[in-house]
Amino acid sequence: MSTIALRNALRKTVRNAIDATPGGDVLITAMIFSIIIAITLVGYLKLSTNSLKLAHRTYFADLAGNLAEGRRMVAKILELGQQRGEVAPVVKPEQVARQCQQSVMGTLLVWSLRGDEKLETRLEESFQHFWRAITLNREAQR
């Protein structure tokens, strides 16, 4: 039975109980309404929890997909760099693309915790270090 159907069935039962109470006893009515409110809130909380779980899964699925797409683009750039002789041929583009992402994400995390310099400065420093690690020596000297 769905939450809405359950709520409606309980509401009808409660309404019948209230109507059957001589003089509409206030205490019984208050207790019954408290039960209805509690059951309704539990239903909404369950629905909210399920919605939150779905949103959470969707967000991380989207994030994972976006990260994978970003890695594919970085790997392609690295492959082109290898073809042009700018990136060391021993570098595995897919592996280095992941390391590039990890470098950027790590830089963002450390910066967010410290915030002592401009983010742009921190990202540039990380990129320069990364670039020196993957390029041929003649390129790194520039």
N, C-alpha and C. Protein backbone atom coordinates (compact mmCIF):
# COMPACT_ATOMS: atom_id res chain seq x y z
N MET A 1 0.85 -1.17 0.00
CA MET A 1 0.00 0.00 0.00
C MET A 1 0.90 1.24 0.00
N SER A 2 0.59 2.20 -0.84
CA SER A 2 1.41 3.41 -0.91
C SER A 2 1.18 4.28 0.32
N THR A 3 2.11 5.21 0.52
CA THR A 3 2.02 6.11 1.67
C THR A 3 0.73 6.92 1.63
N ILE A 4 0.36 7.38 0.46
CA ILE A 4 -0.86 8.20 0.32
C ILE A 4 -2.10 7.37 0.62
N ALA A 5 -2.16 6.14 0.10
CA ALA A 5 -3.31 5.27 0.36
C ALA A 5 -3.40 4.93 1.84
N LEU A 6 -2.26 4.67 2.47
CA LEU A 6 -2.24 4.38 3.90
C LEU A 6 -2.72 5.58 4.70
N ARG A 7 -2.23 6.75 4.34
CA ARG A 7 -2.65 7.97 5.03
C ARG A 7 -4.15 8.19 4.91
N ASN A 8 -4.67 8.01 3.71
CA ASN A 8 -6.11 8.21 3.50
C ASN A 8 -6.94 7.19 4.27
N ALA A 9 -6.47 5.93 4.32
CA ALA A 9 -7.19 4.90 5.08
C ALA A 9 -7.18 5.24 6.56
N LEU A 10 -6.04 5.67 7.06
CA LEU A 10 -5.96 6.05 8.48
C LEU A 10 -6.83 7.27 8.78
N ARG A 11 -6.82 8.21 7.87
CA ARG A 11 -7.63 9.42 8.07
C ARG A 11 -9.11 9.05 8.15
N LYS A 12 -9.53 8.14 7.28
CA LYS A 12 -10.94 7.71 7.29
C LYS A 12 -11.27 6.99 8.58
N THR A 13 -10.36 6.12 9.03
CA THR A 13 -10.58 5.39 10.29
C THR A 13 -10.67 6.34 11.46
N VAL A 14 -9.77 7.32 11.47
CA VAL A 14 -9.77 8.30 12.56
C VAL A 14 -11.04 9.14 12.52
N ARG A 15 -11.44 9.53 11.34
CA ARG A 15 -12.66 10.33 11.21
C ARG A 15 -13.86 9.54 11.74
N ASN A 16 -13.92 8.27 11.42
CA ASN A 16 -15.01 7.42 11.92
C ASN A 16 -14.95 7.31 13.43
N ALA A 17 -13.75 7.19 14.00
CA ALA A 17 -13.61 7.10 15.46
C ALA A 17 -14.05 8.39 16.13
N ILE A 18 -13.68 9.51 15.53
CA ILE A 18 -14.07 10.80 16.10
C ILE A 18 -15.58 10.97 16.04
N ASP A 19 -16.17 10.61 14.91
CA ASP A 19 -17.62 10.74 14.76
C ASP A 19 -18.37 9.84 15.73
N ALA A 20 -17.77 8.69 16.06
CA ALA A 20 -18.41 7.74 16.97
C ALA A 20 -18.26 8.15 18.44
N THR A 21 -17.34 9.09 18.72
CA THR A 21 -17.10 9.52 20.11
C THR A 21 -18.19 10.51 20.50
N PRO A 22 -18.96 10.19 21.59
CA PRO A 22 -20.02 11.11 22.01
C PRO A 22 -19.43 12.46 22.42
N GLY A 23 -19.93 13.48 21.84
CA GLY A 23 -19.49 14.82 22.19
C GLY A 23 -18.12 15.18 21.62
N GLY A 24 -17.54 14.29 20.82
CA GLY A 24 -16.24 14.58 20.20
C GLY A 24 -15.16 14.82 21.24
N ASP A 25 -14.97 13.89 22.14
CA ASP A 25 -14.02 14.02 23.24
C ASP A 25 -12.69 14.61 22.75
N VAL A 26 -12.27 15.72 23.32
CA VAL A 26 -11.10 16.46 22.88
C VAL A 26 -9.81 15.65 23.05
N LEU A 27 -9.68 14.92 24.15
CA LEU A 27 -8.47 14.15 24.40
C LEU A 27 -8.28 13.06 23.34
N ILE A 28 -9.36 12.33 23.06
CA ILE A 28 -9.28 11.27 22.05
C ILE A 28 -8.96 11.88 20.69
N THR A 29 -9.62 12.98 20.36
CA THR A 29 -9.38 13.63 19.09
C THR A 29 -7.92 14.08 18.98
N ALA A 30 -7.39 14.68 20.05
CA ALA A 30 -6.00 15.14 20.04
C ALA A 30 -5.03 13.97 19.87
N MET A 31 -5.29 12.86 20.58
CA MET A 31 -4.41 11.70 20.47
C MET A 31 -4.45 11.12 19.06
N ILE A 32 -5.63 11.04 18.50
CA ILE A 32 -5.77 10.48 17.15
C ILE A 32 -5.07 11.37 16.13
N PHE A 33 -5.26 12.68 16.25
CA PHE A 33 -4.58 13.58 15.33
C PHE A 33 -3.06 13.52 15.50
N SER A 34 -2.59 13.34 16.71
CA SER A 34 -1.14 13.19 16.95
C SER A 34 -0.62 11.96 16.24
N ILE A 35 -1.39 10.88 16.30
CA ILE A 35 -0.99 9.65 15.61
C ILE A 35 -0.96 9.87 14.10
N ILE A 36 -1.98 10.55 13.59
CA ILE A 36 -2.03 10.82 12.15
C ILE A 36 -0.83 11.66 11.72
N ILE A 37 -0.53 12.69 12.51
CA ILE A 37 0.60 13.55 12.17
C ILE A 37 1.90 12.75 12.19
N ALA A 38 2.07 11.91 13.21
CA ALA A 38 3.28 11.09 13.31
C ALA A 38 3.40 10.15 12.12
N ILE A 39 2.33 9.49 11.76
CA ILE A 39 2.36 8.56 10.63
C ILE A 39 2.63 9.31 9.33
N THR A 40 2.02 10.46 9.18
CA THR A 40 2.24 11.26 7.98
C THR A 40 3.69 11.72 7.89
N LEU A 41 4.23 12.19 9.02
CA LEU A 41 5.62 12.62 9.02
C LEU A 41 6.57 11.48 8.70
N VAL A 42 6.31 10.30 9.24
CA VAL A 42 7.14 9.14 8.94
C VAL A 42 7.09 8.85 7.44
N GLY A 43 5.89 8.93 6.87
CA GLY A 43 5.75 8.70 5.43
C GLY A 43 6.53 9.72 4.62
N TYR A 44 6.43 10.99 5.01
CA TYR A 44 7.18 12.02 4.30
C TYR A 44 8.68 11.86 4.49
N LEU A 45 9.11 11.51 5.70
CA LEU A 45 10.54 11.30 5.94
C LEU A 45 11.07 10.15 5.10
N LYS A 46 10.27 9.09 5.02
CA LYS A 46 10.69 7.95 4.21
C LYS A 46 10.79 8.36 2.74
N LEU A 47 9.80 9.10 2.28
CA LEU A 47 9.81 9.58 0.91
C LEU A 47 10.99 10.52 0.68
N SER A 48 11.24 11.41 1.65
CA SER A 48 12.36 12.34 1.54
C SER A 48 13.69 11.60 1.55
N THR A 49 13.82 10.60 2.40
CA THR A 49 15.05 9.82 2.46
C THR A 49 15.30 9.11 1.14
N ASN A 50 14.25 8.52 0.57
CA ASN A 50 14.41 7.85 -0.72
C ASN A 50 14.79 8.84 -1.82
N SER A 51 14.17 10.01 -1.79
CA SER A 51 14.50 11.04 -2.78
C SER A 51 15.95 11.49 -2.62
N LEU A 52 16.38 11.65 -1.37
CA LEU A 52 17.76 12.06 -1.11
C LEU A 52 18.74 11.01 -1.58
N LYS A 53 18.43 9.74 -1.34
CA LYS A 53 19.31 8.66 -1.80
C LYS A 53 19.41 8.66 -3.33
N LEU A 54 18.28 8.85 -3.99
CA LEU A 54 18.28 8.89 -5.45
C LEU A 54 19.09 10.08 -5.96
N ALA A 55 18.88 11.24 -5.34
CA ALA A 55 19.62 12.44 -5.75
C ALA A 55 21.12 12.23 -5.53
N HIS A 56 21.47 11.61 -4.42
CA HIS A 56 22.87 11.34 -4.10
C HIS A 56 23.50 10.43 -5.15
N ARG A 57 22.79 9.34 -5.47
CA ARG A 57 23.31 8.43 -6.49
C ARG A 57 23.43 9.12 -7.84
N THR A 58 22.43 9.92 -8.19
CA THR A 58 22.43 10.63 -9.47
C THR A 58 23.59 11.62 -9.53
N TYR A 59 23.78 12.37 -8.44
CA TYR A 59 24.86 13.36 -8.40
C TYR A 59 26.21 12.68 -8.60
N PHE A 60 26.47 11.61 -7.87
CA PHE A 60 27.76 10.96 -7.97
C PHE A 60 27.92 10.21 -9.29
N ALA A 61 26.83 9.73 -9.85
CA ALA A 61 26.91 9.11 -11.18
C ALA A 61 27.28 10.17 -12.21
N ASP A 62 26.65 11.36 -12.11
CA ASP A 62 26.97 12.46 -13.01
C ASP A 62 28.42 12.90 -12.82
N LEU A 63 28.83 13.03 -11.56
CA LEU A 63 30.20 13.45 -11.27
C LEU A 63 31.19 12.45 -11.82
N ALA A 64 30.94 11.17 -11.61
CA ALA A 64 31.84 10.13 -12.11
C ALA A 64 31.91 10.18 -13.64
N GLY A 65 30.78 10.38 -14.27
CA GLY A 65 30.74 10.48 -15.74
C GLY A 65 31.51 11.69 -16.23
N ASN A 66 31.34 12.82 -15.55
CA ASN A 66 32.05 14.03 -15.94
C ASN A 66 33.56 13.88 -15.74
N LEU A 67 33.95 13.25 -14.64
CA LEU A 67 35.38 13.02 -14.40
C LEU A 67 35.96 12.10 -15.47
N ALA A 68 35.23 11.06 -15.83
CA ALA A 68 35.70 10.14 -16.87
C ALA A 68 35.84 10.86 -18.21
N GLU A 69 34.87 11.69 -18.53
CA GLU A 69 34.95 12.46 -19.78
C GLU A 69 36.14 13.40 -19.76
N GLY A 70 36.38 14.05 -18.63
CA GLY A 70 37.54 14.93 -18.49
C GLY A 70 38.84 14.17 -18.67
N ARG A 71 38.92 12.97 -18.09
CA ARG A 71 40.12 12.14 -18.25
C ARG A 71 40.34 11.77 -19.71
N ARG A 72 39.27 11.44 -20.42
CA ARG A 72 39.39 11.10 -21.84
C ARG A 72 39.95 12.29 -22.63
N MET A 73 39.46 13.49 -22.33
CA MET A 73 39.94 14.68 -23.05
C MET A 73 41.41 14.95 -22.74
N VAL A 74 41.80 14.83 -21.46
CA VAL A 74 43.20 15.06 -21.09
C VAL A 74 44.08 14.00 -21.75
N ALA A 75 43.63 12.75 -21.78
CA ALA A 75 44.40 11.68 -22.42
C ALA A 75 44.61 11.97 -23.90
N LYS A 76 43.59 12.48 -24.57
CA LYS A 76 43.72 12.82 -25.99
C LYS A 76 44.76 13.93 -26.19
N ILE A 77 44.72 14.92 -25.30
CA ILE A 77 45.69 16.01 -25.39
C ILE A 77 47.10 15.47 -25.19
N LEU A 78 47.24 14.57 -24.22
CA LEU A 78 48.56 13.96 -23.97
C LEU A 78 49.04 13.15 -25.17
N GLU A 79 48.13 12.41 -25.79
CA GLU A 79 48.49 11.65 -26.99
C GLU A 79 48.97 12.58 -28.10
N LEU A 80 48.26 13.68 -28.28
CA LEU A 80 48.69 14.66 -29.29
C LEU A 80 50.07 15.22 -28.94
N GLY A 81 50.29 15.47 -27.66
CA GLY A 81 51.59 15.95 -27.21
C GLY A 81 52.69 14.95 -27.49
N GLN A 82 52.38 13.67 -27.35
CA GLN A 82 53.36 12.63 -27.67
C GLN A 82 53.65 12.61 -29.17
N GLN A 83 52.61 12.74 -29.98
CA GLN A 83 52.79 12.74 -31.43
C GLN A 83 53.65 13.93 -31.88
N ARG A 84 53.52 15.04 -31.18
CA ARG A 84 54.28 16.25 -31.52
C ARG A 84 55.66 16.27 -30.87
N GLY A 85 55.95 15.26 -30.04
CA GLY A 85 57.26 15.19 -29.39
C GLY A 85 57.39 16.08 -28.16
N GLU A 86 56.28 16.54 -27.60
CA GLU A 86 56.32 17.42 -26.43
C GLU A 86 56.17 16.66 -25.12
N VAL A 87 55.52 15.52 -25.18
CA VAL A 87 55.28 14.70 -23.99
C VAL A 87 56.07 13.41 -24.14
N ALA A 88 56.70 12.99 -23.07
CA ALA A 88 57.54 11.79 -23.09
C ALA A 88 56.75 10.60 -23.63
N PRO A 89 57.34 9.83 -24.53
CA PRO A 89 56.62 8.70 -25.14
C PRO A 89 56.35 7.56 -24.14
N VAL A 90 57.05 7.50 -23.05
CA VAL A 90 56.83 6.42 -22.07
C VAL A 90 55.60 6.68 -21.21
N VAL A 91 55.06 7.87 -21.29
CA VAL A 91 53.88 8.24 -20.50
C VAL A 91 52.66 7.52 -21.04
N LYS A 92 51.88 6.92 -20.14
CA LYS A 92 50.61 6.30 -20.53
C LYS A 92 49.51 7.35 -20.36
N PRO A 93 48.96 7.84 -21.47
CA PRO A 93 48.01 8.96 -21.41
C PRO A 93 46.84 8.75 -20.43
N GLU A 94 46.24 7.57 -20.41
CA GLU A 94 45.09 7.34 -19.53
C GLU A 94 45.50 7.43 -18.06
N GLN A 95 46.64 6.86 -17.74
CA GLN A 95 47.12 6.86 -16.36
C GLN A 95 47.50 8.28 -15.92
N VAL A 96 48.17 9.00 -16.79
CA VAL A 96 48.60 10.35 -16.45
C VAL A 96 47.40 11.30 -16.39
N ALA A 97 46.38 11.05 -17.20
CA ALA A 97 45.16 11.87 -17.13
C ALA A 97 44.53 11.75 -15.74
N ARG A 98 44.50 10.55 -15.20
CA ARG A 98 43.97 10.36 -13.84
C ARG A 98 44.86 11.08 -12.83
N GLN A 99 46.16 10.99 -13.00
CA GLN A 99 47.07 11.66 -12.08
C GLN A 99 46.90 13.18 -12.16
N CYS A 100 46.61 13.67 -13.34
CA CYS A 100 46.36 15.10 -13.51
C CYS A 100 45.12 15.51 -12.73
N GLN A 101 44.05 14.73 -12.85
CA GLN A 101 42.83 15.01 -12.09
C GLN A 101 43.11 14.98 -10.59
N GLN A 102 43.83 13.97 -10.16
CA GLN A 102 44.13 13.85 -8.74
C GLN A 102 44.95 15.04 -8.25
N SER A 103 45.84 15.51 -9.09
CA SER A 103 46.64 16.67 -8.73
C SER A 103 45.76 17.91 -8.54
N VAL A 104 44.86 18.13 -9.49
CA VAL A 104 43.96 19.28 -9.41
C VAL A 104 43.04 19.16 -8.20
N MET A 105 42.45 17.98 -7.99
CA MET A 105 41.53 17.81 -6.87
C MET A 105 42.26 17.93 -5.53
N GLY A 106 43.47 17.41 -5.47
CA GLY A 106 44.26 17.55 -4.25
C GLY A 106 44.61 19.00 -3.97
N THR A 107 44.97 19.72 -5.02
CA THR A 107 45.27 21.15 -4.88
C THR A 107 44.05 21.90 -4.37
N LEU A 108 42.88 21.61 -4.93
CA LEU A 108 41.64 22.25 -4.48
C LEU A 108 41.37 21.96 -3.01
N LEU A 109 41.56 20.71 -2.61
CA LEU A 109 41.30 20.32 -1.24
C LEU A 109 42.24 21.05 -0.28
N VAL A 110 43.54 21.01 -0.56
CA VAL A 110 44.50 21.65 0.34
C VAL A 110 44.26 23.16 0.38
N TRP A 111 44.00 23.76 -0.78
CA TRP A 111 43.71 25.20 -0.80
C TRP A 111 42.47 25.53 0.03
N SER A 112 41.43 24.70 -0.08
CA SER A 112 40.19 24.98 0.66
C SER A 112 40.41 24.89 2.16
N LEU A 113 41.35 24.07 2.58
CA LEU A 113 41.63 23.93 4.01
C LEU A 113 42.52 25.06 4.53
N ARG A 114 43.40 25.56 3.66
CA ARG A 114 44.36 26.59 4.10
C ARG A 114 43.99 27.96 3.57
N GLY A 115 43.71 28.05 2.28
CA GLY A 115 43.30 29.31 1.65
C GLY A 115 44.31 30.43 1.82
N ASP A 116 45.59 30.09 1.96
CA ASP A 116 46.58 31.12 2.24
C ASP A 116 47.05 31.88 1.00
N GLU A 117 46.83 31.36 -0.16
CA GLU A 117 47.20 32.04 -1.40
C GLU A 117 46.01 31.99 -2.35
N LYS A 118 46.14 32.64 -3.47
CA LYS A 118 45.09 32.58 -4.47
C LYS A 118 45.02 31.17 -5.04
N LEU A 119 43.83 30.71 -5.29
CA LEU A 119 43.64 29.38 -5.88
C LEU A 119 44.35 29.29 -7.22
N GLU A 120 44.26 30.34 -8.01
CA GLU A 120 44.91 30.34 -9.32
C GLU A 120 46.42 30.09 -9.18
N THR A 121 47.04 30.68 -8.16
CA THR A 121 48.47 30.49 -7.93
C THR A 121 48.77 29.04 -7.59
N ARG A 122 47.98 28.47 -6.71
CA ARG A 122 48.18 27.07 -6.31
C ARG A 122 47.99 26.12 -7.49
N LEU A 123 46.96 26.36 -8.30
CA LEU A 123 46.72 25.50 -9.47
C LEU A 123 47.86 25.61 -10.47
N GLU A 124 48.36 26.82 -10.68
CA GLU A 124 49.47 27.01 -11.61
C GLU A 124 50.72 26.28 -11.13
N GLU A 125 51.01 26.37 -9.84
CA GLU A 125 52.17 25.67 -9.28
C GLU A 125 52.04 24.15 -9.48
N SER A 126 50.86 23.64 -9.19
CA SER A 126 50.63 22.19 -9.35
C SER A 126 50.76 21.78 -10.81
N PHE A 127 50.20 22.61 -11.70
CA PHE A 127 50.29 22.27 -13.12
C PHE A 127 51.74 22.27 -13.59
N GLN A 128 52.51 23.28 -13.19
CA GLN A 128 53.90 23.35 -13.62
C GLN A 128 54.69 22.13 -13.14
N HIS A 129 54.44 21.71 -11.92
CA HIS A 129 55.10 20.52 -11.39
C HIS A 129 54.69 19.29 -12.21
N PHE A 130 53.41 19.16 -12.47
CA PHE A 130 52.88 18.05 -13.27
C PHE A 130 53.50 18.06 -14.66
N TRP A 131 53.53 19.23 -15.29
CA TRP A 131 54.03 19.34 -16.65
C TRP A 131 55.50 18.95 -16.74
N ARG A 132 56.31 19.41 -15.77
CA ARG A 132 57.73 19.05 -15.77
C ARG A 132 57.92 17.54 -15.65
N ALA A 133 57.00 16.89 -14.97
CA ALA A 133 57.12 15.44 -14.76
C ALA A 133 56.82 14.63 -16.03
N ILE A 134 56.03 15.19 -16.95
CA ILE A 134 55.63 14.39 -18.11
C ILE A 134 56.28 14.82 -19.42
N THR A 135 56.92 15.97 -19.42
CA THR A 135 57.49 16.45 -20.69
C THR A 135 58.92 15.99 -20.85
N LEU A 136 59.38 16.09 -22.08
CA LEU A 136 60.78 15.80 -22.37
C LEU A 136 61.64 16.90 -21.75
N ASN A 137 62.86 16.59 -21.43
CA ASN A 137 63.73 17.53 -20.74
C ASN A 137 63.87 18.87 -21.44
N ARG A 138 63.99 18.85 -22.77
CA ARG A 138 64.15 20.12 -23.49
C ARG A 138 62.93 21.01 -23.32
N GLU A 139 61.75 20.41 -23.22
CA GLU A 139 60.51 21.18 -23.03
C GLU A 139 60.44 21.72 -21.61
N ALA A 140 60.86 20.93 -20.65
CA ALA A 140 60.78 21.34 -19.26
C ALA A 140 61.69 22.52 -18.96
N GLN A 141 62.75 22.74 -19.77
CA GLN A 141 63.68 23.82 -19.52
C GLN A 141 63.12 25.18 -19.93
N ARG A 142 62.07 25.20 -20.71
CA ARG A 142 61.50 26.48 -21.19
C ARG A 142 60.86 27.27 -20.08
